[in-house]
Amino acid sequence: MKVKEEFVIREVAGENIVVSTDAKAVNFSGMLVLNGTGTFLFNLMQKDVSVDYLVDELMKKYEVDEKSARLDCLAFVNKLKEKNILE
């Protein structure tokens, strides 16, 4: 899975926000504000990656257990799917 190329992170007032660079992205309603973990995962997803890869990278970066990392990754991926941000 990979983030669609028209979605990028912009820093606004010290917060990382996902925005669309494509005026046709009418399905993207609201805004998505990312914390540090979300920003880290979003950046990894600029290329096609698996959930297992995201889990491994999250465990390395934040020294969390696999169960917690997997739950966080799945919740994040589901949010991106809900917002139609993934290819």
C-alpha atoms as a PDB file:
ATOM      1  CA  MET A   1       0.000   0.000   0.000  1.00  0.00           C
ATOM      2  CA  LYS A   2       1.118   3.482  -0.779  1.00  0.00           C
ATOM      3  CA  VAL A   3      -0.059   7.057  -0.226  1.00  0.00           C
ATOM      4  CA  LYS A   4      -1.500   8.594  -3.385  1.00  0.00           C
ATOM      5  CA  GLU A   5       0.984  11.080  -4.806  1.00  0.00           C
ATOM      6  CA  GLU A   6      -1.462  13.995  -4.594  1.00  0.00           C
ATOM      7  CA  PHE A   7      -1.444  13.833  -0.787  1.00  0.00           C
ATOM      8  CA  VAL A   8       1.416  15.555   1.004  1.00  0.00           C
ATOM      9  CA  ILE A   9       2.258  16.788   4.481  1.00  0.00           C
ATOM     10  CA  ARG A  10       2.411  20.509   5.112  1.00  0.00           C
ATOM     11  CA  GLU A  11       3.390  22.127   8.386  1.00  0.00           C
ATOM     12  CA  VAL A  12       0.816  24.684   9.495  1.00  0.00           C
ATOM     13  CA  ALA A  13       1.152  26.482  12.815  1.00  0.00           C
ATOM     14  CA  GLY A  14       3.567  23.826  14.060  1.00  0.00           C
ATOM     15  CA  GLU A  15       1.314  20.886  13.142  1.00  0.00           C
ATOM     16  CA  ASN A  16       1.728  18.368  10.325  1.00  0.00           C
ATOM     17  CA  ILE A  17      -1.409  18.303   8.180  1.00  0.00           C
ATOM     18  CA  VAL A  18      -2.188  16.072   5.206  1.00  0.00           C
ATOM     19  CA  VAL A  19      -3.399  18.112   2.235  1.00  0.00           C
ATOM     20  CA  SER A  20      -4.313  17.309  -1.346  1.00  0.00           C
ATOM     21  CA  THR A  21      -2.475  18.972  -4.200  1.00  0.00           C
ATOM     22  CA  ASP A  22      -5.182  17.849  -6.629  1.00  0.00           C
ATOM     23  CA  ALA A  23      -8.331  19.952  -6.960  1.00  0.00           C
ATOM     24  CA  LYS A  24     -10.179  16.824  -8.100  1.00  0.00           C
ATOM     25  CA  ALA A  25      -9.757  15.132  -4.712  1.00  0.00           C
ATOM     26  CA  VAL A  26     -13.317  15.938  -3.711  1.00  0.00           C
ATOM     27  CA  ASN A  27     -13.584  12.818  -1.560  1.00  0.00           C
ATOM     28  CA  PHE A  28     -11.024  14.209   0.870  1.00  0.00           C
ATOM     29  CA  SER A  29     -13.199  15.911   3.435  1.00  0.00           C
ATOM     30  CA  GLY A  30     -11.905  17.597   6.528  1.00  0.00           C
ATOM     31  CA  MET A  31      -8.280  17.656   7.440  1.00  0.00           C
ATOM     32  CA  LEU A  32      -5.968  15.071   8.854  1.00  0.00           C
ATOM     33  CA  VAL A  33      -3.550  16.290  11.519  1.00  0.00           C
ATOM     34  CA  LEU A  34      -0.644  13.930  12.175  1.00  0.00           C
ATOM     35  CA  ASN A  35       1.316  13.411  15.362  1.00  0.00           C
ATOM     36  CA  GLY A  36       4.966  12.331  15.245  1.00  0.00           C
ATOM     37  CA  THR A  37       4.108   8.658  14.772  1.00  0.00           C
ATOM     38  CA  GLY A  38       1.593   9.403  12.015  1.00  0.00           C
ATOM     39  CA  THR A  39       4.099  11.618  10.233  1.00  0.00           C
ATOM     40  CA  PHE A  40       6.734   8.878  10.462  1.00  0.00           C
ATOM     41  CA  LEU A  41       4.371   6.248   9.021  1.00  0.00           C
ATOM     42  CA  PHE A  42       3.010   8.593   6.335  1.00  0.00           C
ATOM     43  CA  ASN A  43       6.547   9.306   5.142  1.00  0.00           C
ATOM     44  CA  LEU A  44       7.339   5.573   4.980  1.00  0.00           C
ATOM     45  CA  MET A  45       4.228   5.095   2.865  1.00  0.00           C
ATOM     46  CA  GLN A  46       5.522   7.320   0.075  1.00  0.00           C
ATOM     47  CA  LYS A  47       6.653   4.031  -1.458  1.00  0.00           C
ATOM     48  CA  ASP A  48       4.713   0.769  -1.632  1.00  0.00           C
ATOM     49  CA  VAL A  49       5.093  -0.968   1.738  1.00  0.00           C
ATOM     50  CA  SER A  50       3.389  -3.698   3.740  1.00  0.00           C
ATOM     51  CA  VAL A  51       1.865  -3.457   7.195  1.00  0.00           C
ATOM     52  CA  ASP A  52       4.624  -5.795   8.416  1.00  0.00           C
ATOM     53  CA  TYR A  53       7.245  -3.336   7.176  1.00  0.00           C
ATOM     54  CA  LEU A  54       5.494  -0.462   8.973  1.00  0.00           C
ATOM     55  CA  VAL A  55       5.305  -2.509  12.166  1.00  0.00           C
ATOM     56  CA  ASP A  56       9.023  -3.371  12.010  1.00  0.00           C
ATOM     57  CA  GLU A  57      10.031   0.233  11.393  1.00  0.00           C
ATOM     58  CA  LEU A  58       7.768   1.514  14.163  1.00  0.00           C
ATOM     59  CA  MET A  59       9.246  -1.005  16.604  1.00  0.00           C
ATOM     60  CA  LYS A  60      12.777   0.128  15.696  1.00  0.00           C
ATOM     61  CA  LYS A  61      12.047   3.843  15.935  1.00  0.00           C
ATOM     62  CA  TYR A  62       9.946   3.907  19.091  1.00  0.00           C
ATOM     63  CA  GLU A  63      11.056   0.702  20.848  1.00  0.00           C
ATOM     64  CA  VAL A  64       7.512  -0.582  21.307  1.00  0.00           C
ATOM     65  CA  ASP A  65       6.318  -4.169  21.381  1.00  0.00           C
ATOM     66  CA  GLU A  66       4.975  -5.825  18.243  1.00  0.00           C
ATOM     67  CA  LYS A  67       1.361  -5.975  19.412  1.00  0.00           C
ATOM     68  CA  SER A  68       1.211  -2.239  20.160  1.00  0.00           C
ATOM     69  CA  ALA A  69       3.015  -1.361  16.929  1.00  0.00           C
ATOM     70  CA  ARG A  70       0.665  -3.535  14.850  1.00  0.00           C
ATOM     71  CA  LEU A  71      -2.456  -2.062  16.456  1.00  0.00           C
ATOM     72  CA  ASP A  72      -1.181   1.482  15.867  1.00  0.00           C
ATOM     73  CA  CYS A  73      -0.218   0.743  12.253  1.00  0.00           C
ATOM     74  CA  LEU A  74      -3.548  -0.892  11.459  1.00  0.00           C
ATOM     75  CA  ALA A  75      -5.480   1.996  13.006  1.00  0.00           C
ATOM     76  CA  PHE A  76      -3.445   4.489  10.963  1.00  0.00           C
ATOM     77  CA  VAL A  77      -3.800   2.536   7.715  1.00  0.00           C
ATOM     78  CA  ASN A  78      -7.549   2.222   8.270  1.00  0.00           C
ATOM     79  CA  LYS A  79      -7.831   5.984   8.800  1.00  0.00           C
ATOM     80  CA  LEU A  80      -5.972   6.632   5.540  1.00  0.00           C
ATOM     81  CA  LYS A  81      -8.213   4.147   3.729  1.00  0.00           C
ATOM     82  CA  GLU A  82     -11.298   5.823   5.187  1.00  0.00           C
ATOM     83  CA  LYS A  83     -10.081   9.173   3.839  1.00  0.00           C
ATOM     84  CA  ASN A  84      -9.248   7.600   0.431  1.00  0.00           C
ATOM     85  CA  ILE A  85      -5.586   8.570   0.714  1.00  0.00           C
ATOM     86  CA  LEU A  86      -4.089   5.198  -0.247  1.00  0.00           C
ATOM     87  CA  GLU A  87      -3.647   3.781  -3.750  1.00  0.00           C
END
